[in-house]
Amino acid sequence: MSCCLLQEWFAVYVELNQQIAALLSAGDEEDLMELKGLQQQLSDVCYRQASQLEFRQNVLQSAHEFHMTAQD
């Protein structure tokens, strides 16, 4: 499940980054600074989310391994 969520987050990140890049190429000087800031915020949020999902996946994997070991 975490893998799918991670893939969804990455797909959204890529799509939004492409949209921002298109706006950057068409924007005026004032818009450029705001869009670059938004692009950085997007990257930061997606990186944090991906890190959290990876951590949760690792915890679940460890719990599963512990459960399997405890049953043996």
N, C-alpha and C. Protein backbone atom coordinates (compact mmCIF):
# COMPACT_ATOMS: atom_id res chain seq x y z
N MET A 1 0.82 -1.19 0.00
CA MET A 1 0.00 0.00 0.00
C MET A 1 0.86 1.25 0.00
N SER A 2 1.90 1.29 0.84
CA SER A 2 2.77 2.45 0.90
C SER A 2 3.45 2.71 -0.43
N CYS A 3 3.79 1.64 -1.11
CA CYS A 3 4.44 1.76 -2.42
C CYS A 3 3.52 2.50 -3.39
N CYS A 4 2.24 2.12 -3.39
CA CYS A 4 1.28 2.77 -4.29
C CYS A 4 1.11 4.24 -3.93
N LEU A 5 1.04 4.54 -2.62
CA LEU A 5 0.91 5.93 -2.19
C LEU A 5 2.13 6.74 -2.60
N LEU A 6 3.29 6.13 -2.46
CA LEU A 6 4.52 6.81 -2.85
C LEU A 6 4.52 7.10 -4.35
N GLN A 7 4.07 6.14 -5.14
CA GLN A 7 3.99 6.34 -6.59
C GLN A 7 2.98 7.44 -6.93
N GLU A 8 1.85 7.48 -6.21
CA GLU A 8 0.85 8.53 -6.45
C GLU A 8 1.43 9.90 -6.12
N TRP A 9 2.10 10.01 -4.97
CA TRP A 9 2.70 11.28 -4.59
C TRP A 9 3.72 11.73 -5.64
N PHE A 10 4.53 10.79 -6.09
CA PHE A 10 5.55 11.15 -7.07
C PHE A 10 4.91 11.59 -8.38
N ALA A 11 3.84 10.92 -8.80
CA ALA A 11 3.14 11.29 -10.03
C ALA A 11 2.55 12.69 -9.92
N VAL A 12 1.96 13.01 -8.77
CA VAL A 12 1.41 14.35 -8.55
C VAL A 12 2.53 15.38 -8.55
N TYR A 13 3.62 15.05 -7.89
CA TYR A 13 4.78 15.96 -7.85
C TYR A 13 5.28 16.26 -9.25
N VAL A 14 5.45 15.23 -10.07
CA VAL A 14 5.94 15.41 -11.43
C VAL A 14 4.97 16.27 -12.24
N GLU A 15 3.68 15.97 -12.13
CA GLU A 15 2.68 16.72 -12.90
C GLU A 15 2.66 18.19 -12.50
N LEU A 16 2.64 18.46 -11.20
CA LEU A 16 2.62 19.86 -10.75
C LEU A 16 3.91 20.57 -11.12
N ASN A 17 5.03 19.88 -11.04
CA ASN A 17 6.31 20.49 -11.41
C ASN A 17 6.32 20.85 -12.90
N GLN A 18 5.73 20.00 -13.73
CA GLN A 18 5.65 20.30 -15.16
C GLN A 18 4.76 21.51 -15.42
N GLN A 19 3.65 21.60 -14.69
CA GLN A 19 2.75 22.74 -14.85
C GLN A 19 3.44 24.03 -14.41
N ILE A 20 4.17 23.96 -13.30
CA ILE A 20 4.89 25.14 -12.83
C ILE A 20 5.97 25.53 -13.83
N ALA A 21 6.67 24.56 -14.39
CA ALA A 21 7.71 24.85 -15.39
C ALA A 21 7.11 25.55 -16.60
N ALA A 22 5.93 25.11 -17.03
CA ALA A 22 5.27 25.76 -18.17
C ALA A 22 4.90 27.20 -17.82
N LEU A 23 4.41 27.41 -16.61
CA LEU A 23 4.07 28.77 -16.18
C LEU A 23 5.32 29.64 -16.05
N LEU A 24 6.41 29.05 -15.60
CA LEU A 24 7.66 29.80 -15.48
C LEU A 24 8.14 30.31 -16.83
N SER A 25 7.98 29.49 -17.85
CA SER A 25 8.46 29.90 -19.17
C SER A 25 7.56 30.96 -19.80
N ALA A 26 6.31 31.05 -19.32
CA ALA A 26 5.37 32.01 -19.90
C ALA A 26 5.13 33.22 -19.00
N GLY A 27 5.64 33.17 -17.77
CA GLY A 27 5.32 34.21 -16.80
C GLY A 27 6.17 35.45 -16.92
N ASP A 28 5.69 36.53 -16.26
CA ASP A 28 6.49 37.75 -16.20
C ASP A 28 7.39 37.68 -14.97
N GLU A 29 8.19 38.72 -14.78
CA GLU A 29 9.22 38.71 -13.74
C GLU A 29 8.63 38.53 -12.33
N GLU A 30 7.52 39.21 -12.04
CA GLU A 30 6.90 39.08 -10.72
C GLU A 30 6.42 37.66 -10.47
N ASP A 31 5.80 37.08 -11.48
CA ASP A 31 5.28 35.72 -11.34
C ASP A 31 6.40 34.70 -11.16
N LEU A 32 7.55 34.96 -11.78
CA LEU A 32 8.65 34.00 -11.72
C LEU A 32 9.11 33.73 -10.29
N MET A 33 9.26 34.80 -9.51
CA MET A 33 9.72 34.63 -8.13
C MET A 33 8.70 33.85 -7.31
N GLU A 34 7.42 34.18 -7.47
CA GLU A 34 6.38 33.48 -6.73
C GLU A 34 6.30 32.01 -7.14
N LEU A 35 6.37 31.76 -8.44
CA LEU A 35 6.30 30.38 -8.93
C LEU A 35 7.50 29.55 -8.49
N LYS A 36 8.68 30.16 -8.49
CA LYS A 36 9.87 29.44 -8.03
C LYS A 36 9.74 29.09 -6.55
N GLY A 37 9.17 30.02 -5.78
CA GLY A 37 8.92 29.74 -4.36
C GLY A 37 7.93 28.60 -4.17
N LEU A 38 6.87 28.62 -4.96
CA LEU A 38 5.87 27.55 -4.89
C LEU A 38 6.47 26.21 -5.32
N GLN A 39 7.32 26.25 -6.32
CA GLN A 39 7.98 25.03 -6.79
C GLN A 39 8.86 24.44 -5.68
N GLN A 40 9.56 25.31 -4.96
CA GLN A 40 10.41 24.83 -3.86
C GLN A 40 9.56 24.25 -2.74
N GLN A 41 8.44 24.93 -2.43
CA GLN A 41 7.55 24.41 -1.39
C GLN A 41 6.99 23.05 -1.78
N LEU A 42 6.62 22.91 -3.03
CA LEU A 42 6.11 21.64 -3.53
C LEU A 42 7.16 20.54 -3.37
N SER A 43 8.38 20.85 -3.74
CA SER A 43 9.46 19.87 -3.60
C SER A 43 9.67 19.48 -2.14
N ASP A 44 9.64 20.47 -1.26
CA ASP A 44 9.84 20.20 0.16
C ASP A 44 8.74 19.31 0.73
N VAL A 45 7.48 19.64 0.40
CA VAL A 45 6.35 18.86 0.90
C VAL A 45 6.40 17.43 0.37
N CYS A 46 6.67 17.28 -0.90
CA CYS A 46 6.71 15.94 -1.49
C CYS A 46 7.87 15.12 -0.94
N TYR A 47 8.99 15.76 -0.70
CA TYR A 47 10.13 15.04 -0.12
C TYR A 47 9.80 14.56 1.28
N ARG A 48 9.18 15.45 2.09
CA ARG A 48 8.80 15.05 3.45
C ARG A 48 7.79 13.91 3.43
N GLN A 49 6.81 14.02 2.54
CA GLN A 49 5.79 12.97 2.45
C GLN A 49 6.40 11.63 2.03
N ALA A 50 7.29 11.68 1.06
CA ALA A 50 7.95 10.45 0.61
C ALA A 50 8.78 9.85 1.73
N SER A 51 9.45 10.69 2.50
CA SER A 51 10.26 10.20 3.62
C SER A 51 9.38 9.54 4.68
N GLN A 52 8.23 10.17 4.97
CA GLN A 52 7.31 9.59 5.95
C GLN A 52 6.76 8.25 5.47
N LEU A 53 6.40 8.18 4.21
CA LEU A 53 5.89 6.93 3.67
C LEU A 53 6.95 5.83 3.70
N GLU A 54 8.18 6.20 3.37
CA GLU A 54 9.26 5.22 3.41
C GLU A 54 9.49 4.72 4.83
N PHE A 55 9.44 5.64 5.80
CA PHE A 55 9.61 5.26 7.20
C PHE A 55 8.50 4.30 7.63
N ARG A 56 7.25 4.64 7.28
CA ARG A 56 6.12 3.77 7.64
C ARG A 56 6.26 2.39 7.01
N GLN A 57 6.71 2.38 5.77
CA GLN A 57 6.90 1.10 5.08
C GLN A 57 7.96 0.26 5.80
N ASN A 58 9.02 0.90 6.24
CA ASN A 58 10.08 0.19 6.96
C ASN A 58 9.57 -0.34 8.30
N VAL A 59 8.75 0.46 9.00
CA VAL A 59 8.18 0.01 10.28
C VAL A 59 7.28 -1.19 10.06
N LEU A 60 6.42 -1.11 9.04
CA LEU A 60 5.53 -2.23 8.74
C LEU A 60 6.31 -3.49 8.38
N GLN A 61 7.36 -3.32 7.60
CA GLN A 61 8.20 -4.47 7.22
C GLN A 61 8.86 -5.09 8.45
N SER A 62 9.37 -4.25 9.34
CA SER A 62 9.99 -4.75 10.56
C SER A 62 8.97 -5.47 11.44
N ALA A 63 7.78 -4.90 11.56
CA ALA A 63 6.73 -5.54 12.36
C ALA A 63 6.34 -6.88 11.76
N HIS A 64 6.25 -6.93 10.45
CA HIS A 64 5.92 -8.19 9.78
C HIS A 64 7.00 -9.24 10.03
N GLU A 65 8.26 -8.84 9.90
CA GLU A 65 9.36 -9.77 10.14
C GLU A 65 9.37 -10.26 11.58
N PHE A 66 9.11 -9.34 12.52
CA PHE A 66 9.06 -9.72 13.93
C PHE A 66 7.93 -10.71 14.17
N HIS A 67 6.78 -10.44 13.59
CA HIS A 67 5.62 -11.33 13.73
C HIS A 67 5.93 -12.72 13.18
N MET A 68 6.57 -12.76 12.02
CA MET A 68 6.91 -14.05 11.41
C MET A 68 7.92 -14.81 12.28
N THR A 69 8.88 -14.09 12.84
CA THR A 69 9.89 -14.71 13.71
C THR A 69 9.24 -15.21 15.00
N ALA A 70 8.33 -14.42 15.54
CA ALA A 70 7.66 -14.80 16.79
C ALA A 70 6.79 -16.03 16.61
N GLN A 71 6.26 -16.22 15.42
CA GLN A 71 5.41 -17.39 15.17
C GLN A 71 6.23 -18.67 15.03
N ASP A 72 7.48 -18.53 14.64
CA ASP A 72 8.34 -19.72 14.45
C ASP A 72 8.80 -20.30 15.73
